[in-house]
Each structure stands twice: as structure tokens, then as C-alpha cells.
């Protein structure tokens, strides 16, 4: 039987306060450290991922390129590179562009309560996603993405919608261009 992944529990200022199993953290809505990755191509299109239908929450929903949790003792740069390779089969140099503190209900009676470190990078090849993680993927330009989310918000993960709403179009376009902007801190729950 596989050992349950351990999540890093944090305070609202992202200070380590303990660890908990992944399911426990989501059942009890415990605040934990996470990351979300936004990969863009040379044309500024975002690589979307459709979560595998068998995921324990948000299965089949569209989201940003990759998400995950650093392991206890793992540095964030190592965690984002590791997970992007595991989940989408791609390498990229990533830079931190924002952080977000949020709490939201999920399906299956779970709650997502995360301090998310948002990273961006570029890639111009063909993703090789792990089918246990991603049911599909597509490149999309930002205006088309906005129109799709407006038309069908429930087809997208709650964290992805929160990031886009709080960061705003200007910031996401800056991430796509690779502009060196100071990281945003979107910490109001």
C-alpha cells in the first residue's frame, strides 16, 4: 500500500507549522503550502491541462499547466521542476510571479485551503503528460481563455479561476511575456 503524501501545513504568512496527510488536509480544510505553474509558448498562449477524471477532486476540470505540493524538506524550486516533469513531461526554467492565499469548497466534501506559490515559464515542444494526472491539454490564447471561463466557469478548477481573477489580465500577460515584474501577493481570503 503506498504511503500517503505529506503536505506542509503553514500559517497565513506561509510559516511552517506542521505536516499532515494529503486527504486529512483536504477533509479538514487545513492551510497548506502548494504551487501552481503557468507555462506559455512563444506566442503567449497558455498550456492548459484537463485533470484526469480519476483524481480525488476536481477530476475532468480544466486548469493551469500544473499544480502540486512541495514535500517536507523539499525546496520550492526543486518541487516545481519535479512536478512539472512528473505531471506534464516537460522541462522549463520557472520563476515565481505571485502568491495566493485562498479557501474554497471542492467536490467530494473536501476543502482547498492553500498558500499557493505561482510560477511561470516557457516551453515550445510537445507535452508528454502522465495519463493518471492529465486527461488532456491544449494551448490557448488569453482572450479565448477569458471567453471560455465566462461561458463555462464550472469547467475550470476553483484555484485557477481565483488566480486569474485576483492577478488580472495585465499580470498574466506580463507572465506570458516573461516580464520581470515584482511578485504579486494576493493574500486576502
N, C-alpha and C. Protein backbone atom coordinates (compact mmCIF):
# COMPACT_ATOMS: atom_id res chain seq x y z
N UNK A 1 0.85 -1.18 0.00
CA UNK A 1 0.00 0.00 0.00
C UNK A 1 0.90 1.24 0.00
N UNK A 2 0.65 2.21 -0.91
CA UNK A 2 1.52 3.39 -0.98
C UNK A 2 1.33 4.27 0.26
N UNK A 3 2.41 4.94 0.63
CA UNK A 3 2.37 5.87 1.75
C UNK A 3 1.71 7.15 1.27
N UNK A 4 0.77 7.69 2.08
CA UNK A 4 0.08 8.91 1.72
C UNK A 4 1.05 10.08 1.68
N UNK A 5 0.91 10.91 0.66
CA UNK A 5 1.72 12.11 0.53
C UNK A 5 1.50 13.03 1.72
N UNK A 6 2.57 13.58 2.24
CA UNK A 6 2.50 14.51 3.37
C UNK A 6 2.57 15.94 2.85
N UNK A 7 1.69 16.81 3.36
CA UNK A 7 1.66 18.22 2.98
C UNK A 7 2.23 19.06 4.10
N UNK A 8 2.80 20.20 3.72
CA UNK A 8 3.37 21.14 4.67
C UNK A 8 2.28 22.08 5.13
N UNK A 9 1.94 22.05 6.40
CA UNK A 9 0.96 22.97 6.96
C UNK A 9 1.65 24.28 7.30
N UNK A 10 0.96 25.39 7.00
CA UNK A 10 1.55 26.71 7.19
C UNK A 10 0.57 27.66 7.88
N UNK A 11 1.12 28.75 8.39
CA UNK A 11 0.31 29.85 8.92
C UNK A 11 -0.06 30.75 7.73
N UNK A 12 -0.93 31.75 7.93
CA UNK A 12 -1.30 32.64 6.82
C UNK A 12 -0.15 33.43 6.22
N UNK A 13 1.00 33.51 6.91
CA UNK A 13 2.17 34.17 6.31
C UNK A 13 3.17 33.14 5.75
N UNK A 14 2.71 31.90 5.56
CA UNK A 14 3.49 30.82 4.95
C UNK A 14 4.62 30.30 5.84
N UNK A 15 4.46 30.42 7.14
CA UNK A 15 5.43 29.87 8.09
C UNK A 15 5.04 28.42 8.41
N UNK A 16 6.00 27.52 8.36
CA UNK A 16 5.77 26.11 8.66
C UNK A 16 5.20 25.93 10.07
N UNK A 17 4.09 25.16 10.16
CA UNK A 17 3.51 24.86 11.47
C UNK A 17 3.35 23.35 11.70
N UNK A 18 3.60 22.53 10.66
CA UNK A 18 3.48 21.09 10.83
C UNK A 18 3.30 20.38 9.50
N UNK A 19 2.92 19.11 9.57
CA UNK A 19 2.63 18.32 8.37
C UNK A 19 1.35 17.54 8.61
N UNK A 20 0.71 17.16 7.52
CA UNK A 20 -0.50 16.33 7.60
C UNK A 20 -0.62 15.54 6.31
N UNK A 21 -1.31 14.44 6.37
CA UNK A 21 -1.59 13.66 5.17
C UNK A 21 -2.45 14.48 4.20
N UNK A 22 -2.30 14.21 2.92
CA UNK A 22 -3.00 14.95 1.89
C UNK A 22 -4.52 14.91 2.05
N UNK A 23 -5.07 13.72 2.28
CA UNK A 23 -6.52 13.62 2.44
C UNK A 23 -6.99 14.32 3.72
N UNK A 24 -6.26 14.17 4.81
CA UNK A 24 -6.64 14.84 6.05
C UNK A 24 -6.67 16.36 5.84
N UNK A 25 -5.64 16.91 5.20
CA UNK A 25 -5.57 18.35 4.97
C UNK A 25 -6.77 18.84 4.17
N UNK A 26 -7.19 18.06 3.17
CA UNK A 26 -8.32 18.47 2.34
C UNK A 26 -9.67 18.18 2.99
N UNK A 27 -9.75 17.16 3.79
CA UNK A 27 -11.01 16.89 4.52
C UNK A 27 -11.26 17.95 5.58
N UNK A 28 -10.20 18.37 6.27
CA UNK A 28 -10.34 19.31 7.38
C UNK A 28 -10.11 20.76 6.97
N UNK A 29 -9.75 21.00 5.70
CA UNK A 29 -9.51 22.37 5.24
C UNK A 29 -8.31 23.02 5.90
N UNK A 30 -7.25 22.22 6.15
CA UNK A 30 -6.05 22.74 6.80
C UNK A 30 -5.23 23.56 5.81
N UNK A 31 -4.75 24.71 6.25
CA UNK A 31 -3.93 25.58 5.39
C UNK A 31 -2.60 24.90 5.12
N UNK A 32 -2.28 24.73 3.83
CA UNK A 32 -1.04 24.06 3.45
C UNK A 32 -0.37 24.77 2.27
N UNK A 33 0.91 24.48 2.09
CA UNK A 33 1.72 25.09 1.03
C UNK A 33 1.50 24.33 -0.27
N UNK A 34 1.38 25.09 -1.36
CA UNK A 34 1.17 24.49 -2.67
C UNK A 34 1.84 25.38 -3.73
N UNK A 35 1.79 24.90 -4.96
CA UNK A 35 2.27 25.73 -6.08
C UNK A 35 1.39 25.48 -7.30
N UNK A 36 1.35 26.47 -8.16
CA UNK A 36 0.68 26.38 -9.45
C UNK A 36 1.63 26.92 -10.50
N UNK A 37 1.67 26.25 -11.64
CA UNK A 37 2.60 26.59 -12.71
C UNK A 37 1.83 27.01 -13.96
N UNK A 38 2.28 28.10 -14.57
CA UNK A 38 1.72 28.62 -15.81
C UNK A 38 2.82 28.57 -16.87
N UNK A 39 2.64 27.71 -17.88
CA UNK A 39 3.62 27.60 -18.97
C UNK A 39 3.02 28.23 -20.22
N UNK A 40 3.82 29.09 -20.86
CA UNK A 40 3.42 29.79 -22.07
C UNK A 40 4.34 29.41 -23.22
N UNK A 41 3.80 29.47 -24.45
CA UNK A 41 4.65 29.26 -25.63
C UNK A 41 5.14 30.62 -26.14
N UNK A 42 5.88 30.60 -27.25
CA UNK A 42 6.45 31.83 -27.80
C UNK A 42 5.39 32.82 -28.27
N UNK A 43 4.18 32.33 -28.55
CA UNK A 43 3.09 33.21 -28.99
C UNK A 43 2.28 33.75 -27.81
N UNK A 44 2.67 33.41 -26.58
CA UNK A 44 1.96 33.90 -25.41
C UNK A 44 0.75 33.07 -25.03
N UNK A 45 0.61 31.91 -25.67
CA UNK A 45 -0.51 31.03 -25.31
C UNK A 45 -0.18 30.25 -24.05
N UNK A 46 -1.22 30.00 -23.25
CA UNK A 46 -1.07 29.26 -22.00
C UNK A 46 -1.35 27.78 -22.26
N UNK A 47 -0.54 26.92 -21.66
CA UNK A 47 -0.76 25.48 -21.74
C UNK A 47 -1.73 25.08 -20.64
N UNK A 48 -2.95 24.70 -21.04
CA UNK A 48 -3.96 24.22 -20.10
C UNK A 48 -3.84 22.72 -19.95
N UNK A 49 -4.22 22.25 -18.79
CA UNK A 49 -4.29 20.82 -18.52
C UNK A 49 -5.74 20.48 -18.13
N UNK A 50 -6.23 19.36 -18.63
CA UNK A 50 -7.50 18.84 -18.15
C UNK A 50 -7.17 17.73 -17.16
N UNK A 51 -7.58 17.93 -15.92
CA UNK A 51 -7.25 16.95 -14.88
C UNK A 51 -7.86 15.59 -15.20
N UNK A 52 -7.10 14.55 -14.90
CA UNK A 52 -7.59 13.19 -15.12
C UNK A 52 -8.90 12.99 -14.35
N UNK A 53 -9.80 12.24 -14.93
CA UNK A 53 -11.11 12.01 -14.33
C UNK A 53 -11.01 11.23 -13.01
N UNK A 54 -9.95 10.46 -12.82
CA UNK A 54 -9.79 9.66 -11.61
C UNK A 54 -9.16 10.40 -10.44
N UNK A 55 -8.87 11.69 -10.58
CA UNK A 55 -8.27 12.45 -9.48
C UNK A 55 -9.25 12.50 -8.31
N UNK A 56 -8.74 12.60 -7.10
CA UNK A 56 -9.60 12.53 -5.92
C UNK A 56 -10.46 13.79 -5.74
N UNK A 57 -10.16 14.85 -6.46
CA UNK A 57 -11.06 16.02 -6.52
C UNK A 57 -10.82 16.75 -7.84
N UNK A 58 -11.81 17.46 -8.29
CA UNK A 58 -11.74 18.31 -9.49
C UNK A 58 -11.39 17.52 -10.74
N UNK A 59 -11.70 16.22 -10.78
CA UNK A 59 -11.43 15.40 -11.95
C UNK A 59 -12.18 15.90 -13.17
N UNK A 60 -11.50 15.92 -14.31
CA UNK A 60 -12.10 16.32 -15.58
C UNK A 60 -12.18 17.82 -15.80
N UNK A 61 -11.75 18.62 -14.81
CA UNK A 61 -11.81 20.07 -14.97
C UNK A 61 -10.53 20.60 -15.62
N UNK A 62 -10.67 21.71 -16.33
CA UNK A 62 -9.52 22.38 -16.95
C UNK A 62 -8.85 23.26 -15.90
N UNK A 63 -7.52 23.37 -16.01
CA UNK A 63 -6.76 24.16 -15.05
C UNK A 63 -5.47 24.64 -15.69
N UNK A 64 -4.67 25.36 -14.90
CA UNK A 64 -3.37 25.80 -15.39
C UNK A 64 -2.48 24.58 -15.63
N UNK A 65 -1.30 24.81 -16.14
CA UNK A 65 -0.43 23.75 -16.65
C UNK A 65 -0.16 22.64 -15.65
N UNK A 66 0.09 23.01 -14.40
CA UNK A 66 0.50 22.01 -13.41
C UNK A 66 0.31 22.58 -12.01
N UNK A 67 -0.04 21.72 -11.07
CA UNK A 67 -0.17 22.10 -9.66
C UNK A 67 0.43 21.01 -8.80
N UNK A 68 0.77 21.36 -7.59
CA UNK A 68 1.28 20.34 -6.69
C UNK A 68 1.63 20.91 -5.34
N UNK A 69 2.30 20.09 -4.57
CA UNK A 69 2.68 20.43 -3.20
C UNK A 69 4.15 20.07 -3.01
N UNK A 70 4.94 20.97 -2.43
CA UNK A 70 6.31 20.57 -2.09
C UNK A 70 6.27 19.54 -0.96
N UNK A 71 7.23 18.66 -0.97
CA UNK A 71 7.33 17.66 0.09
C UNK A 71 8.03 18.27 1.30
N UNK A 72 7.77 17.77 2.48
CA UNK A 72 8.51 18.27 3.65
C UNK A 72 10.02 18.19 3.39
N UNK A 73 10.70 19.31 3.62
CA UNK A 73 12.15 19.38 3.40
C UNK A 73 12.57 19.67 1.97
N UNK A 74 11.64 19.75 1.04
CA UNK A 74 11.96 20.00 -0.37
C UNK A 74 11.89 21.49 -0.67
N UNK A 75 12.92 22.03 -1.30
CA UNK A 75 12.93 23.44 -1.69
C UNK A 75 11.90 23.67 -2.80
N UNK A 76 11.24 24.81 -2.78
CA UNK A 76 10.21 25.11 -3.77
C UNK A 76 10.71 25.01 -5.21
N UNK A 77 11.90 25.56 -5.56
CA UNK A 77 12.36 25.42 -6.96
C UNK A 77 12.50 23.96 -7.39
N UNK A 78 12.94 23.11 -6.48
CA UNK A 78 13.07 21.68 -6.79
C UNK A 78 11.69 21.05 -6.96
N UNK A 79 10.74 21.45 -6.12
CA UNK A 79 9.40 20.88 -6.17
C UNK A 79 8.68 21.22 -7.47
N UNK A 80 8.77 22.48 -7.91
CA UNK A 80 8.05 22.86 -9.13
C UNK A 80 8.66 22.18 -10.36
N UNK A 81 9.98 22.08 -10.42
CA UNK A 81 10.61 21.37 -11.54
C UNK A 81 10.25 19.89 -11.53
N UNK A 82 10.29 19.28 -10.35
CA UNK A 82 9.96 17.85 -10.23
C UNK A 82 8.54 17.60 -10.72
N UNK A 83 7.59 18.36 -10.22
CA UNK A 83 6.19 18.09 -10.52
C UNK A 83 5.85 18.39 -11.97
N UNK A 84 6.43 19.43 -12.55
CA UNK A 84 6.17 19.74 -13.96
C UNK A 84 6.64 18.58 -14.84
N UNK A 85 7.76 17.99 -14.49
CA UNK A 85 8.25 16.83 -15.23
C UNK A 85 7.36 15.61 -15.03
N UNK A 86 6.98 15.34 -13.78
CA UNK A 86 6.13 14.18 -13.49
C UNK A 86 4.76 14.29 -14.15
N UNK A 87 4.16 15.46 -14.04
CA UNK A 87 2.77 15.63 -14.46
C UNK A 87 2.62 15.86 -15.96
N UNK A 88 3.47 16.74 -16.52
CA UNK A 88 3.31 17.13 -17.93
C UNK A 88 4.47 16.70 -18.82
N UNK A 89 5.51 16.13 -18.24
CA UNK A 89 6.62 15.61 -19.03
C UNK A 89 7.41 16.67 -19.76
N UNK A 90 7.48 17.87 -19.19
CA UNK A 90 8.22 18.94 -19.85
C UNK A 90 9.20 19.61 -18.88
N UNK A 91 10.31 20.10 -19.43
CA UNK A 91 11.23 20.91 -18.63
C UNK A 91 10.96 22.39 -18.88
N UNK A 92 11.26 23.23 -17.92
CA UNK A 92 11.16 24.68 -18.12
C UNK A 92 11.89 25.37 -16.99
N UNK A 93 12.51 26.49 -17.32
CA UNK A 93 13.03 27.36 -16.27
C UNK A 93 11.85 28.15 -15.74
N UNK A 94 11.64 28.10 -14.45
CA UNK A 94 10.47 28.72 -13.85
C UNK A 94 10.89 29.86 -12.93
N UNK A 95 10.04 30.87 -12.84
CA UNK A 95 10.26 31.99 -11.94
C UNK A 95 8.99 32.23 -11.14
N UNK A 96 9.14 32.60 -9.88
CA UNK A 96 7.97 32.91 -9.06
C UNK A 96 7.41 34.25 -9.50
N UNK A 97 6.08 34.28 -9.70
CA UNK A 97 5.43 35.51 -10.16
C UNK A 97 4.37 36.02 -9.19
N UNK A 98 3.88 35.19 -8.28
CA UNK A 98 2.82 35.63 -7.37
C UNK A 98 2.65 34.59 -6.27
N UNK A 99 1.89 34.99 -5.27
CA UNK A 99 1.42 34.05 -4.26
C UNK A 99 -0.03 34.37 -3.98
N UNK A 100 -0.76 33.36 -3.54
CA UNK A 100 -2.20 33.49 -3.32
C UNK A 100 -2.58 32.67 -2.10
N UNK A 101 -3.33 33.27 -1.20
CA UNK A 101 -3.91 32.56 -0.07
C UNK A 101 -5.40 32.48 -0.33
N UNK A 102 -5.96 31.28 -0.34
CA UNK A 102 -7.39 31.15 -0.59
C UNK A 102 -7.94 29.91 0.12
N UNK A 103 -9.26 29.92 0.25
CA UNK A 103 -10.00 28.79 0.82
C UNK A 103 -11.26 28.65 -0.02
N UNK A 104 -11.55 27.41 -0.46
CA UNK A 104 -12.73 27.19 -1.30
C UNK A 104 -13.20 25.74 -1.17
N UNK A 105 -14.51 25.54 -1.22
CA UNK A 105 -15.03 24.17 -1.20
C UNK A 105 -14.74 23.47 -2.53
N UNK A 106 -14.51 22.17 -2.43
CA UNK A 106 -14.29 21.32 -3.60
C UNK A 106 -15.40 20.28 -3.65
N UNK A 107 -15.37 19.44 -4.67
CA UNK A 107 -16.27 18.30 -4.73
C UNK A 107 -15.83 17.26 -3.70
N UNK A 108 -16.58 16.20 -3.56
CA UNK A 108 -16.26 15.09 -2.66
C UNK A 108 -16.24 15.51 -1.18
N UNK A 109 -16.85 16.68 -0.85
CA UNK A 109 -16.87 17.14 0.53
C UNK A 109 -15.53 17.65 1.03
N UNK A 110 -14.61 17.96 0.14
CA UNK A 110 -13.28 18.42 0.51
C UNK A 110 -13.21 19.95 0.47
N UNK A 111 -12.18 20.49 1.10
CA UNK A 111 -11.93 21.92 1.10
C UNK A 111 -10.48 22.17 0.72
N UNK A 112 -10.28 23.10 -0.20
CA UNK A 112 -8.93 23.51 -0.58
C UNK A 112 -8.62 24.77 0.21
N UNK A 113 -7.54 24.75 0.97
CA UNK A 113 -7.10 25.91 1.75
C UNK A 113 -5.59 25.97 1.59
N UNK A 114 -5.15 26.85 0.69
CA UNK A 114 -3.75 26.83 0.29
C UNK A 114 -3.10 28.20 0.30
N UNK A 115 -1.81 28.18 0.60
CA UNK A 115 -0.92 29.30 0.32
C UNK A 115 -0.16 28.84 -0.93
N UNK A 116 -0.53 29.39 -2.07
CA UNK A 116 -0.01 28.93 -3.36
C UNK A 116 1.10 29.84 -3.86
N UNK A 117 2.22 29.24 -4.23
CA UNK A 117 3.33 29.94 -4.87
C UNK A 117 3.16 29.74 -6.38
N UNK A 118 2.94 30.83 -7.10
CA UNK A 118 2.64 30.75 -8.53
C UNK A 118 3.93 31.00 -9.31
N UNK A 119 4.21 30.07 -10.24
CA UNK A 119 5.41 30.14 -11.07
C UNK A 119 5.03 30.16 -12.54
N UNK A 120 5.87 30.80 -13.35
CA UNK A 120 5.64 30.86 -14.79
C UNK A 120 6.93 30.52 -15.53
N UNK A 121 6.75 30.04 -16.76
CA UNK A 121 7.88 29.71 -17.61
C UNK A 121 7.41 29.53 -19.03
N UNK A 122 8.34 29.14 -19.90
CA UNK A 122 8.01 28.93 -21.31
C UNK A 122 8.44 27.53 -21.75
N UNK A 123 7.77 27.08 -22.81
CA UNK A 123 8.06 25.78 -23.40
C UNK A 123 7.48 25.80 -24.82
N UNK A 124 8.20 25.23 -25.76
CA UNK A 124 7.72 25.25 -27.15
C UNK A 124 7.66 23.87 -27.79
N UNK A 125 7.71 22.84 -27.01
CA UNK A 125 7.67 21.49 -27.56
C UNK A 125 6.30 20.84 -27.38
N UNK A 126 6.31 19.53 -27.37
CA UNK A 126 5.09 18.74 -27.22
C UNK A 126 5.05 18.17 -25.80
N UNK A 127 4.04 18.54 -24.99
CA UNK A 127 3.94 17.95 -23.66
C UNK A 127 3.74 16.44 -23.74
N UNK A 128 4.20 15.74 -22.71
CA UNK A 128 4.02 14.29 -22.59
C UNK A 128 3.41 14.01 -21.22
N UNK A 129 2.12 14.36 -21.04
CA UNK A 129 1.52 14.23 -19.71
C UNK A 129 1.35 12.79 -19.26
N UNK A 130 1.41 12.60 -17.96
CA UNK A 130 1.11 11.32 -17.34
C UNK A 130 -0.42 11.17 -17.38
N UNK A 131 -0.96 10.12 -18.03
CA UNK A 131 -2.41 9.98 -18.12
C UNK A 131 -3.12 9.83 -16.77
N UNK A 132 -2.40 9.44 -15.74
CA UNK A 132 -3.01 9.37 -14.41
C UNK A 132 -3.20 10.77 -13.82
N UNK A 133 -2.52 11.76 -14.39
CA UNK A 133 -2.61 13.14 -13.91
C UNK A 133 -3.44 14.03 -14.82
N UNK A 134 -3.28 13.87 -16.13
CA UNK A 134 -3.92 14.77 -17.09
C UNK A 134 -4.64 13.98 -18.18
N UNK A 135 -5.92 14.29 -18.36
CA UNK A 135 -6.73 13.64 -19.39
C UNK A 135 -6.56 14.31 -20.75
N UNK A 136 -6.00 15.51 -20.75
CA UNK A 136 -5.80 16.23 -22.00
C UNK A 136 -5.08 17.54 -21.74
N UNK A 137 -4.76 18.21 -22.83
CA UNK A 137 -4.08 19.50 -22.73
C UNK A 137 -4.35 20.28 -24.01
N UNK A 138 -4.16 21.59 -23.93
CA UNK A 138 -4.27 22.44 -25.12
C UNK A 138 -3.60 23.78 -24.86
N UNK A 139 -3.12 24.39 -25.94
CA UNK A 139 -2.60 25.75 -25.89
C UNK A 139 -3.77 26.69 -26.16
N UNK A 140 -3.88 27.79 -25.42
CA UNK A 140 -4.97 28.73 -25.61
C UNK A 140 -4.48 30.15 -25.39
N UNK A 141 -4.96 31.08 -26.23
CA UNK A 141 -4.58 32.48 -26.01
C UNK A 141 -5.46 33.05 -24.90
N UNK A 142 -4.99 34.10 -24.27
CA UNK A 142 -5.66 34.62 -23.08
C UNK A 142 -7.06 35.17 -23.35
N UNK A 143 -7.31 35.88 -24.47
CA UNK A 143 -8.69 36.32 -24.73
C UNK A 143 -9.66 35.14 -24.90
N UNK A 144 -9.24 34.09 -25.57
CA UNK A 144 -10.10 32.92 -25.74
C UNK A 144 -10.34 32.23 -24.40
N UNK A 145 -9.32 32.18 -23.56
CA UNK A 145 -9.47 31.60 -22.23
C UNK A 145 -10.49 32.38 -21.41
N UNK A 146 -10.38 33.69 -21.42
CA UNK A 146 -11.34 34.53 -20.69
C UNK A 146 -12.76 34.28 -21.15
N UNK A 147 -12.96 34.17 -22.47
CA UNK A 147 -14.30 33.92 -23.01
C UNK A 147 -14.82 32.56 -22.56
N UNK A 148 -13.97 31.54 -22.57
CA UNK A 148 -14.40 30.21 -22.13
C UNK A 148 -14.77 30.18 -20.66
N UNK A 149 -13.99 30.84 -19.84
CA UNK A 149 -14.29 30.87 -18.41
C UNK A 149 -15.60 31.62 -18.15
N UNK A 150 -15.81 32.70 -18.88
CA UNK A 150 -17.08 33.45 -18.74
C UNK A 150 -18.26 32.57 -19.12
N UNK A 151 -18.12 31.81 -20.19
CA UNK A 151 -19.22 30.99 -20.69
C UNK A 151 -19.45 29.73 -19.86
N UNK A 152 -18.39 29.19 -19.31
CA UNK A 152 -18.48 27.90 -18.63
C UNK A 152 -17.55 27.83 -17.41
N UNK A 153 -17.79 28.66 -16.39
CA UNK A 153 -16.85 28.71 -15.25
C UNK A 153 -16.69 27.38 -14.52
N UNK A 154 -17.74 26.57 -14.46
CA UNK A 154 -17.65 25.31 -13.73
C UNK A 154 -16.83 24.24 -14.44
N UNK A 155 -16.34 24.54 -15.64
CA UNK A 155 -15.46 23.61 -16.35
C UNK A 155 -14.00 23.79 -15.93
N UNK A 156 -13.74 24.78 -15.05
CA UNK A 156 -12.39 25.12 -14.63
C UNK A 156 -12.24 24.97 -13.12
N UNK A 157 -11.03 24.64 -12.67
CA UNK A 157 -10.79 24.48 -11.23
C UNK A 157 -10.95 25.80 -10.49
N UNK A 158 -11.32 25.69 -9.24
CA UNK A 158 -11.55 26.88 -8.41
C UNK A 158 -10.26 27.68 -8.23
N UNK A 159 -9.12 27.03 -8.04
CA UNK A 159 -7.88 27.76 -7.82
C UNK A 159 -7.44 28.50 -9.07
N UNK A 160 -7.64 27.90 -10.23
CA UNK A 160 -7.27 28.54 -11.48
C UNK A 160 -8.09 29.81 -11.68
N UNK A 161 -9.40 29.72 -11.45
CA UNK A 161 -10.26 30.90 -11.57
C UNK A 161 -9.86 31.97 -10.56
N UNK A 162 -9.53 31.55 -9.33
CA UNK A 162 -9.11 32.52 -8.29
C UNK A 162 -7.83 33.24 -8.70
N UNK A 163 -6.86 32.49 -9.20
CA UNK A 163 -5.59 33.10 -9.61
C UNK A 163 -5.83 34.12 -10.72
N UNK A 164 -6.57 33.73 -11.76
CA UNK A 164 -6.82 34.63 -12.88
C UNK A 164 -7.59 35.87 -12.45
N UNK A 165 -8.59 35.67 -11.60
CA UNK A 165 -9.40 36.80 -11.15
C UNK A 165 -8.58 37.77 -10.30
N UNK A 166 -7.81 37.25 -9.38
CA UNK A 166 -7.06 38.13 -8.47
C UNK A 166 -5.84 38.76 -9.14
N UNK A 167 -5.17 38.02 -10.02
CA UNK A 167 -3.98 38.57 -10.68
C UNK A 167 -4.37 39.61 -11.73
N UNK A 168 -5.42 39.32 -12.47
CA UNK A 168 -5.85 40.24 -13.53
C UNK A 168 -5.13 39.99 -14.83
N UNK A 169 -5.74 40.45 -15.89
CA UNK A 169 -5.22 40.23 -17.24
C UNK A 169 -3.83 40.81 -17.43
N UNK A 170 -3.60 42.01 -16.92
CA UNK A 170 -2.30 42.67 -17.12
C UNK A 170 -1.17 41.82 -16.56
N UNK A 171 -1.34 41.31 -15.34
CA UNK A 171 -0.28 40.50 -14.72
C UNK A 171 -0.06 39.20 -15.48
N UNK A 172 -1.13 38.52 -15.87
CA UNK A 172 -0.98 37.25 -16.58
C UNK A 172 -0.30 37.48 -17.93
N UNK A 173 -0.63 38.56 -18.60
CA UNK A 173 0.05 38.89 -19.87
C UNK A 173 1.54 39.16 -19.63
N UNK A 174 1.87 39.81 -18.52
CA UNK A 174 3.28 40.04 -18.18
C UNK A 174 3.99 38.72 -17.94
N UNK A 175 3.32 37.76 -17.26
CA UNK A 175 3.92 36.43 -17.06
C UNK A 175 4.20 35.78 -18.40
N UNK A 176 3.25 35.91 -19.35
CA UNK A 176 3.40 35.29 -20.67
C UNK A 176 4.57 35.89 -21.43
N UNK A 177 4.77 37.19 -21.29
CA UNK A 177 5.88 37.86 -22.00
C UNK A 177 7.22 37.61 -21.32
N UNK A 178 7.17 37.10 -20.09
CA UNK A 178 8.41 36.89 -19.35
C UNK A 178 8.93 38.15 -18.72
N UNK A 179 8.07 39.18 -18.61
CA UNK A 179 8.49 40.43 -17.98
C UNK A 179 8.90 40.17 -16.53
N UNK A 180 9.90 40.85 -16.11
CA UNK A 180 10.36 40.75 -14.72
C UNK A 180 9.57 41.75 -13.88
N UNK A 181 8.43 41.31 -13.41
CA UNK A 181 7.61 42.16 -12.54
C UNK A 181 7.73 41.64 -11.12
N UNK A 182 7.64 42.53 -10.12
CA UNK A 182 7.69 42.04 -8.75
C UNK A 182 6.55 41.05 -8.49
N UNK A 183 6.80 39.99 -7.76
CA UNK A 183 5.73 39.03 -7.49
C UNK A 183 4.53 39.68 -6.79
N UNK A 184 3.35 39.31 -7.22
CA UNK A 184 2.10 39.76 -6.59
C UNK A 184 1.86 38.93 -5.33
N UNK A 185 1.29 39.54 -4.33
CA UNK A 185 0.89 38.81 -3.11
C UNK A 185 -0.60 39.02 -2.93
N UNK A 186 -1.37 38.00 -3.24
CA UNK A 186 -2.83 38.06 -3.23
C UNK A 186 -3.33 37.26 -2.04
N UNK A 187 -3.19 37.84 -0.85
CA UNK A 187 -3.40 37.05 0.36
C UNK A 187 -4.72 37.30 1.08
N UNK A 188 -5.64 38.00 0.48
CA UNK A 188 -6.94 38.18 1.14
C UNK A 188 -7.80 36.94 0.87
N UNK A 189 -8.31 36.33 1.93
CA UNK A 189 -9.20 35.15 1.74
C UNK A 189 -10.62 35.60 1.58
